[in-house]
Amino acid sequence: GNAAHAYFSVFGELILQDKEHFAFHGRVKRPPDSPVNALLSFAYTMLAHDCASALESVGLDAYVGFLHTDRAGRTSLALDLMEELRSIFADRFVLTLINNRIIRASDFETQEDGAVLLTQDGRKKFLSAWQEKKRETITHPFLEEKLAWGLVPYTQSLLLARTIRGDLSEYPAFLWK
């Protein structure tokens, strides 16, 4: 909790464009109270889904976690896996959307309860850019092989499964520069 608070206390300094509409004063989840929080929540939801799918595809139960408490309906292991990818994939992605002006202030609407949500056009832009980002090729830091960003959750899930099954002595966390 303390680390997250410190991290998000300076996150807004990375926003370089349209600071008036994309001001960030801290993480607010339910409901998101600003465009930045709406983007972060959507990105985290997409990443959590990708992680849960990847875990299940390698035979792991996405609902039984190590770090996150097990709760009915919560994919705790997916949230665990997501922790190592959150800042380097989702947070960077959100900053890119804002700083490259892919998403603009007009792509949001404020509900009666104060929740700030993406419009239909905003969601289309987001999802199109998300899929494009997942197609970008990187070199995996542990495997030293080229793969698409979209395969990182699957690759990490596979490495986790191999660690749990005893094929690897320790889990190689995804450490990105």
N, C-alpha and C. Protein backbone atom coordinates (compact mmCIF):
# COMPACT_ATOMS: atom_id res chain seq x y z
N GLY A 1 0.80 -1.20 0.00
CA GLY A 1 0.00 0.00 0.00
C GLY A 1 0.84 1.26 0.00
N ASN A 2 1.89 1.27 0.83
CA ASN A 2 2.75 2.45 0.90
C ASN A 2 3.49 2.66 -0.42
N ALA A 3 3.94 1.57 -1.03
CA ALA A 3 4.64 1.68 -2.31
C ALA A 3 3.71 2.22 -3.39
N ALA A 4 2.47 1.73 -3.42
CA ALA A 4 1.50 2.20 -4.41
C ALA A 4 1.21 3.69 -4.21
N HIS A 5 1.06 4.09 -2.95
CA HIS A 5 0.81 5.50 -2.67
C HIS A 5 1.97 6.37 -3.16
N ALA A 6 3.19 5.96 -2.88
CA ALA A 6 4.37 6.72 -3.32
C ALA A 6 4.44 6.76 -4.85
N TYR A 7 4.18 5.64 -5.48
CA TYR A 7 4.23 5.55 -6.95
C TYR A 7 3.21 6.49 -7.57
N PHE A 8 1.96 6.40 -7.11
CA PHE A 8 0.92 7.23 -7.71
C PHE A 8 1.01 8.69 -7.30
N SER A 9 1.75 9.00 -6.25
CA SER A 9 1.92 10.40 -5.86
C SER A 9 2.75 11.18 -6.89
N VAL A 10 3.55 10.48 -7.70
CA VAL A 10 4.36 11.14 -8.73
C VAL A 10 3.96 10.76 -10.15
N PHE A 11 2.97 9.89 -10.28
CA PHE A 11 2.54 9.41 -11.59
C PHE A 11 2.13 10.58 -12.49
N GLY A 12 1.43 11.55 -11.95
CA GLY A 12 0.96 12.69 -12.72
C GLY A 12 2.07 13.50 -13.37
N GLU A 13 3.28 13.42 -12.83
CA GLU A 13 4.41 14.15 -13.41
C GLU A 13 4.82 13.58 -14.76
N LEU A 14 4.39 12.38 -15.07
CA LEU A 14 4.71 11.76 -16.35
C LEU A 14 3.73 12.16 -17.45
N ILE A 15 2.67 12.85 -17.07
CA ILE A 15 1.69 13.33 -18.05
C ILE A 15 2.22 14.65 -18.59
N LEU A 16 2.49 14.67 -19.89
CA LEU A 16 3.15 15.82 -20.50
C LEU A 16 2.24 16.65 -21.39
N GLN A 17 1.07 16.12 -21.76
CA GLN A 17 0.16 16.81 -22.67
C GLN A 17 -1.18 17.07 -22.00
N ASP A 18 -1.78 18.18 -22.32
CA ASP A 18 -3.14 18.52 -21.88
C ASP A 18 -3.33 18.26 -20.38
N LYS A 19 -2.43 18.83 -19.60
CA LYS A 19 -2.45 18.61 -18.15
C LYS A 19 -3.73 19.14 -17.50
N GLU A 20 -4.38 20.07 -18.17
CA GLU A 20 -5.63 20.61 -17.62
C GLU A 20 -6.70 19.51 -17.55
N HIS A 21 -6.86 18.75 -18.62
CA HIS A 21 -7.88 17.70 -18.65
C HIS A 21 -7.40 16.37 -18.09
N PHE A 22 -6.09 16.18 -18.06
CA PHE A 22 -5.55 14.92 -17.59
C PHE A 22 -4.75 15.10 -16.29
N ALA A 23 -5.25 15.98 -15.44
CA ALA A 23 -4.63 16.16 -14.13
C ALA A 23 -4.82 14.88 -13.32
N PHE A 24 -3.79 14.49 -12.59
CA PHE A 24 -3.86 13.26 -11.79
C PHE A 24 -3.43 13.58 -10.37
N HIS A 25 -4.36 13.34 -9.43
CA HIS A 25 -4.09 13.67 -8.03
C HIS A 25 -4.10 12.45 -7.13
N GLY A 26 -4.08 11.27 -7.72
CA GLY A 26 -4.07 10.05 -6.93
C GLY A 26 -5.00 9.01 -7.54
N ARG A 27 -4.76 7.78 -7.16
CA ARG A 27 -5.53 6.66 -7.71
C ARG A 27 -6.88 6.53 -7.02
N VAL A 28 -7.94 6.61 -7.81
CA VAL A 28 -9.31 6.39 -7.34
C VAL A 28 -9.92 5.34 -8.27
N LYS A 29 -10.37 4.23 -7.68
CA LYS A 29 -10.80 3.09 -8.50
C LYS A 29 -12.30 3.03 -8.76
N ARG A 30 -13.10 3.07 -7.70
CA ARG A 30 -14.53 2.79 -7.84
C ARG A 30 -15.37 3.90 -7.30
N PRO A 31 -15.94 4.71 -8.11
CA PRO A 31 -15.74 4.80 -9.55
C PRO A 31 -14.54 5.69 -9.86
N PRO A 32 -13.95 5.54 -11.04
CA PRO A 32 -12.85 6.43 -11.41
C PRO A 32 -13.37 7.87 -11.48
N ASP A 33 -12.62 8.78 -10.90
CA ASP A 33 -13.07 10.17 -10.79
C ASP A 33 -12.40 11.12 -11.78
N SER A 34 -11.59 10.59 -12.66
CA SER A 34 -10.87 11.43 -13.62
C SER A 34 -10.58 10.61 -14.87
N PRO A 35 -10.26 11.27 -15.97
CA PRO A 35 -9.91 10.53 -17.18
C PRO A 35 -8.72 9.58 -16.98
N VAL A 36 -7.71 10.01 -16.24
CA VAL A 36 -6.53 9.16 -16.03
C VAL A 36 -6.93 7.92 -15.24
N ASN A 37 -7.72 8.07 -14.18
CA ASN A 37 -8.16 6.92 -13.41
C ASN A 37 -9.04 5.99 -14.25
N ALA A 38 -9.86 6.56 -15.13
CA ALA A 38 -10.69 5.73 -16.01
C ALA A 38 -9.81 4.90 -16.95
N LEU A 39 -8.78 5.53 -17.50
CA LEU A 39 -7.87 4.81 -18.39
C LEU A 39 -7.10 3.72 -17.64
N LEU A 40 -6.60 4.05 -16.45
CA LEU A 40 -5.87 3.06 -15.66
C LEU A 40 -6.77 1.87 -15.31
N SER A 41 -7.99 2.15 -14.88
CA SER A 41 -8.91 1.07 -14.53
C SER A 41 -9.22 0.17 -15.72
N PHE A 42 -9.43 0.77 -16.88
CA PHE A 42 -9.72 -0.01 -18.08
C PHE A 42 -8.50 -0.85 -18.48
N ALA A 43 -7.32 -0.25 -18.44
CA ALA A 43 -6.09 -0.97 -18.79
C ALA A 43 -5.85 -2.13 -17.81
N TYR A 44 -6.08 -1.90 -16.52
CA TYR A 44 -5.88 -2.96 -15.54
C TYR A 44 -6.88 -4.09 -15.73
N THR A 45 -8.10 -3.75 -16.10
CA THR A 45 -9.12 -4.77 -16.36
C THR A 45 -8.71 -5.62 -17.56
N MET A 46 -8.24 -4.98 -18.61
CA MET A 46 -7.81 -5.71 -19.81
C MET A 46 -6.61 -6.61 -19.48
N LEU A 47 -5.65 -6.07 -18.76
CA LEU A 47 -4.46 -6.85 -18.42
C LEU A 47 -4.80 -8.02 -17.50
N ALA A 48 -5.68 -7.80 -16.54
CA ALA A 48 -6.10 -8.88 -15.63
C ALA A 48 -6.79 -10.00 -16.42
N HIS A 49 -7.60 -9.62 -17.39
CA HIS A 49 -8.27 -10.63 -18.22
C HIS A 49 -7.24 -11.41 -19.03
N ASP A 50 -6.28 -10.72 -19.62
CA ASP A 50 -5.23 -11.39 -20.40
C ASP A 50 -4.43 -12.35 -19.51
N CYS A 51 -4.12 -11.92 -18.28
CA CYS A 51 -3.37 -12.77 -17.35
C CYS A 51 -4.18 -13.98 -16.93
N ALA A 52 -5.46 -13.79 -16.64
CA ALA A 52 -6.32 -14.92 -16.24
C ALA A 52 -6.42 -15.94 -17.36
N SER A 53 -6.61 -15.47 -18.58
CA SER A 53 -6.69 -16.38 -19.73
C SER A 53 -5.39 -17.14 -19.92
N ALA A 54 -4.28 -16.44 -19.78
CA ALA A 54 -2.97 -17.08 -19.95
C ALA A 54 -2.74 -18.15 -18.88
N LEU A 55 -3.08 -17.84 -17.65
CA LEU A 55 -2.89 -18.80 -16.55
C LEU A 55 -3.73 -20.05 -16.78
N GLU A 56 -4.97 -19.87 -17.15
CA GLU A 56 -5.84 -21.01 -17.38
C GLU A 56 -5.38 -21.84 -18.57
N SER A 57 -4.79 -21.19 -19.58
CA SER A 57 -4.33 -21.92 -20.76
C SER A 57 -3.14 -22.83 -20.47
N VAL A 58 -2.41 -22.55 -19.37
CA VAL A 58 -1.28 -23.42 -19.00
C VAL A 58 -1.65 -24.35 -17.84
N GLY A 59 -2.93 -24.39 -17.50
CA GLY A 59 -3.40 -25.33 -16.49
C GLY A 59 -3.37 -24.85 -15.06
N LEU A 60 -3.22 -23.55 -14.85
CA LEU A 60 -3.23 -23.01 -13.49
C LEU A 60 -4.59 -22.39 -13.19
N ASP A 61 -4.98 -22.44 -11.93
CA ASP A 61 -6.25 -21.86 -11.49
C ASP A 61 -6.05 -20.38 -11.21
N ALA A 62 -6.61 -19.54 -12.05
CA ALA A 62 -6.43 -18.09 -11.93
C ALA A 62 -7.05 -17.52 -10.66
N TYR A 63 -7.86 -18.31 -9.96
CA TYR A 63 -8.56 -17.82 -8.77
C TYR A 63 -7.79 -18.09 -7.47
N VAL A 64 -6.70 -18.85 -7.53
CA VAL A 64 -5.94 -19.19 -6.32
C VAL A 64 -4.60 -18.45 -6.38
N GLY A 65 -4.46 -17.40 -5.58
CA GLY A 65 -3.28 -16.56 -5.65
C GLY A 65 -2.29 -16.77 -4.52
N PHE A 66 -1.16 -16.13 -4.67
CA PHE A 66 -0.12 -16.13 -3.65
C PHE A 66 -0.12 -14.82 -2.87
N LEU A 67 -0.20 -13.71 -3.58
CA LEU A 67 -0.12 -12.38 -2.97
C LEU A 67 -1.49 -11.81 -2.63
N HIS A 68 -2.43 -11.96 -3.55
CA HIS A 68 -3.78 -11.45 -3.33
C HIS A 68 -4.63 -12.49 -2.62
N THR A 69 -5.39 -12.04 -1.65
CA THR A 69 -6.26 -12.93 -0.89
C THR A 69 -7.30 -13.54 -1.81
N ASP A 70 -7.55 -14.83 -1.62
CA ASP A 70 -8.59 -15.49 -2.40
C ASP A 70 -9.95 -14.98 -1.97
N ARG A 71 -10.75 -14.57 -2.94
CA ARG A 71 -12.11 -14.12 -2.72
C ARG A 71 -12.98 -14.67 -3.83
N ALA A 72 -14.18 -15.00 -3.51
CA ALA A 72 -15.09 -15.54 -4.52
C ALA A 72 -15.18 -14.60 -5.72
N GLY A 73 -14.97 -15.16 -6.90
CA GLY A 73 -15.10 -14.39 -8.12
C GLY A 73 -13.89 -13.54 -8.49
N ARG A 74 -12.84 -13.55 -7.67
CA ARG A 74 -11.66 -12.73 -7.96
C ARG A 74 -10.53 -13.62 -8.46
N THR A 75 -9.98 -13.25 -9.58
CA THR A 75 -8.86 -14.00 -10.15
C THR A 75 -7.56 -13.57 -9.47
N SER A 76 -7.36 -14.08 -8.26
CA SER A 76 -6.23 -13.64 -7.43
C SER A 76 -4.87 -13.93 -8.06
N LEU A 77 -4.69 -15.09 -8.67
CA LEU A 77 -3.40 -15.40 -9.29
C LEU A 77 -3.16 -14.51 -10.50
N ALA A 78 -4.22 -14.18 -11.23
CA ALA A 78 -4.08 -13.26 -12.36
C ALA A 78 -3.64 -11.88 -11.86
N LEU A 79 -4.18 -11.46 -10.72
CA LEU A 79 -3.77 -10.18 -10.14
C LEU A 79 -2.32 -10.24 -9.67
N ASP A 80 -1.90 -11.41 -9.15
CA ASP A 80 -0.50 -11.59 -8.76
C ASP A 80 0.42 -11.44 -9.97
N LEU A 81 0.08 -12.15 -11.04
CA LEU A 81 0.89 -12.09 -12.26
C LEU A 81 0.90 -10.69 -12.86
N MET A 82 -0.22 -10.04 -12.76
CA MET A 82 -0.37 -8.70 -13.31
C MET A 82 0.55 -7.68 -12.64
N GLU A 83 0.89 -7.91 -11.37
CA GLU A 83 1.71 -6.94 -10.63
C GLU A 83 3.03 -6.65 -11.33
N GLU A 84 3.65 -7.68 -11.90
CA GLU A 84 4.94 -7.45 -12.54
C GLU A 84 4.80 -6.82 -13.92
N LEU A 85 3.59 -6.76 -14.45
CA LEU A 85 3.35 -6.20 -15.78
C LEU A 85 2.61 -4.87 -15.75
N ARG A 86 2.03 -4.55 -14.62
CA ARG A 86 1.16 -3.37 -14.51
C ARG A 86 1.87 -2.07 -14.93
N SER A 87 2.98 -1.76 -14.33
CA SER A 87 3.62 -0.47 -14.62
C SER A 87 4.28 -0.44 -15.98
N ILE A 88 4.89 -1.56 -16.38
CA ILE A 88 5.63 -1.55 -17.64
C ILE A 88 4.74 -1.72 -18.86
N PHE A 89 3.55 -2.26 -18.67
CA PHE A 89 2.65 -2.40 -19.81
C PHE A 89 1.46 -1.44 -19.69
N ALA A 90 0.64 -1.62 -18.67
CA ALA A 90 -0.60 -0.84 -18.58
C ALA A 90 -0.35 0.64 -18.31
N ASP A 91 0.49 0.95 -17.33
CA ASP A 91 0.73 2.36 -16.99
C ASP A 91 1.42 3.10 -18.14
N ARG A 92 2.43 2.48 -18.74
CA ARG A 92 3.11 3.09 -19.88
C ARG A 92 2.14 3.28 -21.04
N PHE A 93 1.27 2.30 -21.23
CA PHE A 93 0.28 2.38 -22.30
C PHE A 93 -0.63 3.59 -22.10
N VAL A 94 -1.13 3.77 -20.89
CA VAL A 94 -2.00 4.91 -20.58
C VAL A 94 -1.28 6.22 -20.81
N LEU A 95 -0.04 6.30 -20.35
CA LEU A 95 0.74 7.53 -20.56
C LEU A 95 0.96 7.80 -22.05
N THR A 96 1.18 6.76 -22.82
CA THR A 96 1.34 6.92 -24.27
C THR A 96 0.06 7.44 -24.91
N LEU A 97 -1.09 6.89 -24.50
CA LEU A 97 -2.37 7.37 -25.05
C LEU A 97 -2.55 8.86 -24.81
N ILE A 98 -2.19 9.30 -23.61
CA ILE A 98 -2.37 10.71 -23.26
C ILE A 98 -1.30 11.58 -23.92
N ASN A 99 -0.05 11.21 -23.75
CA ASN A 99 1.05 12.05 -24.23
C ASN A 99 1.15 12.11 -25.75
N ASN A 100 0.68 11.09 -26.44
CA ASN A 100 0.66 11.11 -27.91
C ASN A 100 -0.68 11.59 -28.46
N ARG A 101 -1.54 12.04 -27.55
CA ARG A 101 -2.85 12.60 -27.90
C ARG A 101 -3.72 11.64 -28.71
N ILE A 102 -3.60 10.36 -28.40
CA ILE A 102 -4.45 9.35 -29.04
C ILE A 102 -5.83 9.43 -28.40
N ILE A 103 -5.85 9.61 -27.10
CA ILE A 103 -7.08 9.82 -26.34
C ILE A 103 -7.12 11.29 -25.93
N ARG A 104 -8.28 11.91 -26.09
CA ARG A 104 -8.43 13.33 -25.78
C ARG A 104 -9.54 13.52 -24.74
N ALA A 105 -9.63 14.69 -24.23
CA ALA A 105 -10.64 15.00 -23.22
C ALA A 105 -12.05 14.69 -23.72
N SER A 106 -12.28 14.87 -25.01
CA SER A 106 -13.62 14.62 -25.58
C SER A 106 -13.99 13.13 -25.61
N ASP A 107 -13.04 12.26 -25.28
CA ASP A 107 -13.30 10.82 -25.27
C ASP A 107 -13.85 10.32 -23.94
N PHE A 108 -14.24 11.24 -23.05
CA PHE A 108 -14.75 10.88 -21.73
C PHE A 108 -16.09 11.54 -21.47
N GLU A 109 -16.85 10.90 -20.60
CA GLU A 109 -18.11 11.48 -20.15
C GLU A 109 -18.19 11.28 -18.64
N THR A 110 -18.83 12.23 -17.97
CA THR A 110 -19.00 12.14 -16.53
C THR A 110 -20.44 11.75 -16.22
N GLN A 111 -20.60 10.71 -15.44
CA GLN A 111 -21.92 10.20 -15.06
C GLN A 111 -22.49 11.06 -13.91
N GLU A 112 -23.75 10.87 -13.60
CA GLU A 112 -24.40 11.63 -12.52
C GLU A 112 -23.73 11.39 -11.17
N ASP A 113 -23.20 10.18 -10.95
CA ASP A 113 -22.56 9.86 -9.66
C ASP A 113 -21.11 10.34 -9.59
N GLY A 114 -20.64 11.03 -10.64
CA GLY A 114 -19.28 11.55 -10.66
C GLY A 114 -18.28 10.63 -11.33
N ALA A 115 -18.71 9.44 -11.72
CA ALA A 115 -17.82 8.50 -12.40
C ALA A 115 -17.44 9.05 -13.77
N VAL A 116 -16.18 8.95 -14.09
CA VAL A 116 -15.68 9.37 -15.40
C VAL A 116 -15.41 8.11 -16.21
N LEU A 117 -16.04 8.01 -17.37
CA LEU A 117 -15.92 6.82 -18.21
C LEU A 117 -15.57 7.21 -19.64
N LEU A 118 -14.95 6.28 -20.35
CA LEU A 118 -14.68 6.49 -21.76
C LEU A 118 -15.99 6.45 -22.54
N THR A 119 -16.09 7.27 -23.56
CA THR A 119 -17.23 7.21 -24.48
C THR A 119 -17.05 5.98 -25.36
N GLN A 120 -18.05 5.70 -26.17
CA GLN A 120 -17.94 4.57 -27.10
C GLN A 120 -16.76 4.78 -28.04
N ASP A 121 -16.61 5.98 -28.58
CA ASP A 121 -15.48 6.26 -29.47
C ASP A 121 -14.16 6.16 -28.71
N GLY A 122 -14.14 6.60 -27.47
CA GLY A 122 -12.94 6.50 -26.64
C GLY A 122 -12.54 5.06 -26.40
N ARG A 123 -13.54 4.21 -26.15
CA ARG A 123 -13.24 2.78 -25.96
C ARG A 123 -12.70 2.16 -27.24
N LYS A 124 -13.23 2.55 -28.37
CA LYS A 124 -12.73 2.04 -29.65
C LYS A 124 -11.27 2.42 -29.85
N LYS A 125 -10.94 3.68 -29.58
CA LYS A 125 -9.55 4.13 -29.70
C LYS A 125 -8.64 3.36 -28.75
N PHE A 126 -9.10 3.22 -27.52
CA PHE A 126 -8.33 2.50 -26.51
C PHE A 126 -8.06 1.07 -26.96
N LEU A 127 -9.13 0.35 -27.33
CA LEU A 127 -8.99 -1.06 -27.68
C LEU A 127 -8.16 -1.26 -28.94
N SER A 128 -8.29 -0.37 -29.89
CA SER A 128 -7.48 -0.45 -31.10
C SER A 128 -5.99 -0.28 -30.76
N ALA A 129 -5.70 0.71 -29.94
CA ALA A 129 -4.30 0.95 -29.52
C ALA A 129 -3.79 -0.20 -28.65
N TRP A 130 -4.67 -0.78 -27.80
CA TRP A 130 -4.29 -1.91 -26.94
C TRP A 130 -3.85 -3.10 -27.80
N GLN A 131 -4.65 -3.41 -28.81
CA GLN A 131 -4.31 -4.54 -29.69
C GLN A 131 -3.03 -4.26 -30.47
N GLU A 132 -2.86 -3.03 -30.89
CA GLU A 132 -1.63 -2.65 -31.60
C GLU A 132 -0.41 -2.82 -30.70
N LYS A 133 -0.54 -2.38 -29.46
CA LYS A 133 0.56 -2.51 -28.49
C LYS A 133 0.91 -3.98 -28.26
N LYS A 134 -0.10 -4.82 -28.18
CA LYS A 134 0.14 -6.25 -27.93
C LYS A 134 0.86 -6.92 -29.10
N ARG A 135 0.82 -6.31 -30.28
CA ARG A 135 1.51 -6.88 -31.45
C ARG A 135 2.98 -6.44 -31.51
N GLU A 136 3.37 -5.42 -30.74
CA GLU A 136 4.77 -4.96 -30.75
C GLU A 136 5.69 -6.08 -30.28
N THR A 137 6.84 -6.18 -30.92
CA THR A 137 7.80 -7.22 -30.59
C THR A 137 8.83 -6.71 -29.59
N ILE A 138 9.11 -7.56 -28.60
CA ILE A 138 10.15 -7.27 -27.61
C ILE A 138 11.05 -8.50 -27.50
N THR A 139 12.16 -8.35 -26.80
CA THR A 139 13.01 -9.49 -26.46
C THR A 139 12.77 -9.81 -25.00
N HIS A 140 12.31 -11.02 -24.73
CA HIS A 140 12.00 -11.43 -23.36
C HIS A 140 13.30 -11.42 -22.55
N PRO A 141 13.32 -10.75 -21.39
CA PRO A 141 14.57 -10.61 -20.63
C PRO A 141 15.14 -11.91 -20.07
N PHE A 142 14.31 -12.90 -19.81
CA PHE A 142 14.81 -14.18 -19.28
C PHE A 142 15.09 -15.16 -20.41
N LEU A 143 14.16 -15.30 -21.32
CA LEU A 143 14.31 -16.27 -22.41
C LEU A 143 15.24 -15.78 -23.51
N GLU A 144 15.40 -14.46 -23.59
CA GLU A 144 16.21 -13.81 -24.63
C GLU A 144 15.73 -14.20 -26.02
N GLU A 145 14.41 -14.27 -26.17
CA GLU A 145 13.79 -14.55 -27.46
C GLU A 145 12.80 -13.44 -27.79
N LYS A 146 12.64 -13.20 -29.08
CA LYS A 146 11.68 -12.18 -29.51
C LYS A 146 10.27 -12.76 -29.44
N LEU A 147 9.36 -11.92 -28.93
CA LEU A 147 7.95 -12.29 -28.89
C LEU A 147 7.12 -11.03 -28.81
N ALA A 148 5.84 -11.17 -29.12
CA ALA A 148 4.93 -10.02 -29.06
C ALA A 148 4.59 -9.72 -27.60
N TRP A 149 4.38 -8.43 -27.29
CA TRP A 149 3.98 -8.03 -25.94
C TRP A 149 2.77 -8.82 -25.47
N GLY A 150 1.87 -9.10 -26.38
CA GLY A 150 0.65 -9.82 -26.04
C GLY A 150 0.89 -11.24 -25.55
N LEU A 151 2.06 -11.79 -25.84
CA LEU A 151 2.39 -13.14 -25.38
C LEU A 151 3.12 -13.15 -24.03
N VAL A 152 3.44 -11.99 -23.49
CA VAL A 152 4.15 -11.94 -22.22
C VAL A 152 3.34 -12.57 -21.08
N PRO A 153 2.05 -12.27 -20.93
CA PRO A 153 1.30 -12.95 -19.86
C PRO A 153 1.31 -14.47 -20.01
N TYR A 154 1.19 -14.97 -21.24
CA TYR A 154 1.24 -16.41 -21.47
C TYR A 154 2.62 -16.96 -21.12
N THR A 155 3.66 -16.29 -21.57
CA THR A 155 5.02 -16.75 -21.31
C THR A 155 5.30 -16.77 -19.81
N GLN A 156 4.89 -15.73 -19.09
CA GLN A 156 5.11 -15.69 -17.65
C GLN A 156 4.27 -16.76 -16.94
N SER A 157 3.07 -17.01 -17.45
CA SER A 157 2.23 -18.07 -16.90
C SER A 157 2.89 -19.43 -17.09
N LEU A 158 3.46 -19.64 -18.26
CA LEU A 158 4.15 -20.89 -18.54
C LEU A 158 5.35 -21.06 -17.61
N LEU A 159 6.11 -20.00 -17.41
CA LEU A 159 7.26 -20.05 -16.51
C LEU A 159 6.82 -20.30 -15.07
N LEU A 160 5.70 -19.70 -14.66
CA LEU A 160 5.17 -19.94 -13.32
C LEU A 160 4.74 -21.39 -13.16
N ALA A 161 4.05 -21.92 -14.15
CA ALA A 161 3.62 -23.31 -14.09
C ALA A 161 4.82 -24.25 -14.02
N ARG A 162 5.85 -23.96 -14.79
CA ARG A 162 7.06 -24.80 -14.75
C ARG A 162 7.75 -24.70 -13.40
N THR A 163 7.70 -23.55 -12.77
CA THR A 163 8.29 -23.39 -11.43
C THR A 163 7.50 -24.18 -10.41
N ILE A 164 6.18 -24.06 -10.45
CA ILE A 164 5.32 -24.78 -9.50
C ILE A 164 5.49 -26.29 -9.66
N ARG A 165 5.66 -26.74 -10.88
CA ARG A 165 5.80 -28.18 -11.14
C ARG A 165 7.22 -28.70 -10.91
N GLY A 166 8.15 -27.79 -10.57
CA GLY A 166 9.51 -28.21 -10.24
C GLY A 166 10.48 -28.25 -11.41
N ASP A 167 10.07 -27.80 -12.58
CA ASP A 167 10.97 -27.79 -13.74
C ASP A 167 11.98 -26.64 -13.67
N LEU A 168 11.63 -25.59 -12.96
CA LEU A 168 12.53 -24.45 -12.74
C LEU A 168 12.72 -24.30 -11.23
N SER A 169 13.93 -23.95 -10.82
CA SER A 169 14.19 -23.84 -9.38
C SER A 169 13.58 -22.59 -8.77
N GLU A 170 13.46 -21.52 -9.56
CA GLU A 170 12.80 -20.31 -9.07
C GLU A 170 12.14 -19.59 -10.22
N TYR A 171 11.08 -18.86 -9.90
CA TYR A 171 10.31 -18.14 -10.92
C TYR A 171 11.09 -16.94 -11.43
N PRO A 172 11.30 -16.85 -12.74
CA PRO A 172 11.99 -15.68 -13.31
C PRO A 172 11.00 -14.54 -13.58
N ALA A 173 10.92 -13.61 -12.65
CA ALA A 173 10.01 -12.46 -12.81
C ALA A 173 10.37 -11.68 -14.06
N PHE A 174 9.38 -11.06 -14.66
CA PHE A 174 9.58 -10.26 -15.86
C PHE A 174 10.16 -8.91 -15.44
N LEU A 175 11.44 -8.74 -15.62
CA LEU A 175 12.11 -7.50 -15.24
C LEU A 175 12.47 -6.73 -16.51
N TRP A 176 11.77 -5.65 -16.72
CA TRP A 176 11.90 -4.85 -17.93
C TRP A 176 12.61 -3.55 -17.62
N LYS A 177 13.42 -3.09 -18.55
CA LYS A 177 14.16 -1.83 -18.35
C LYS A 177 13.30 -0.65 -18.68
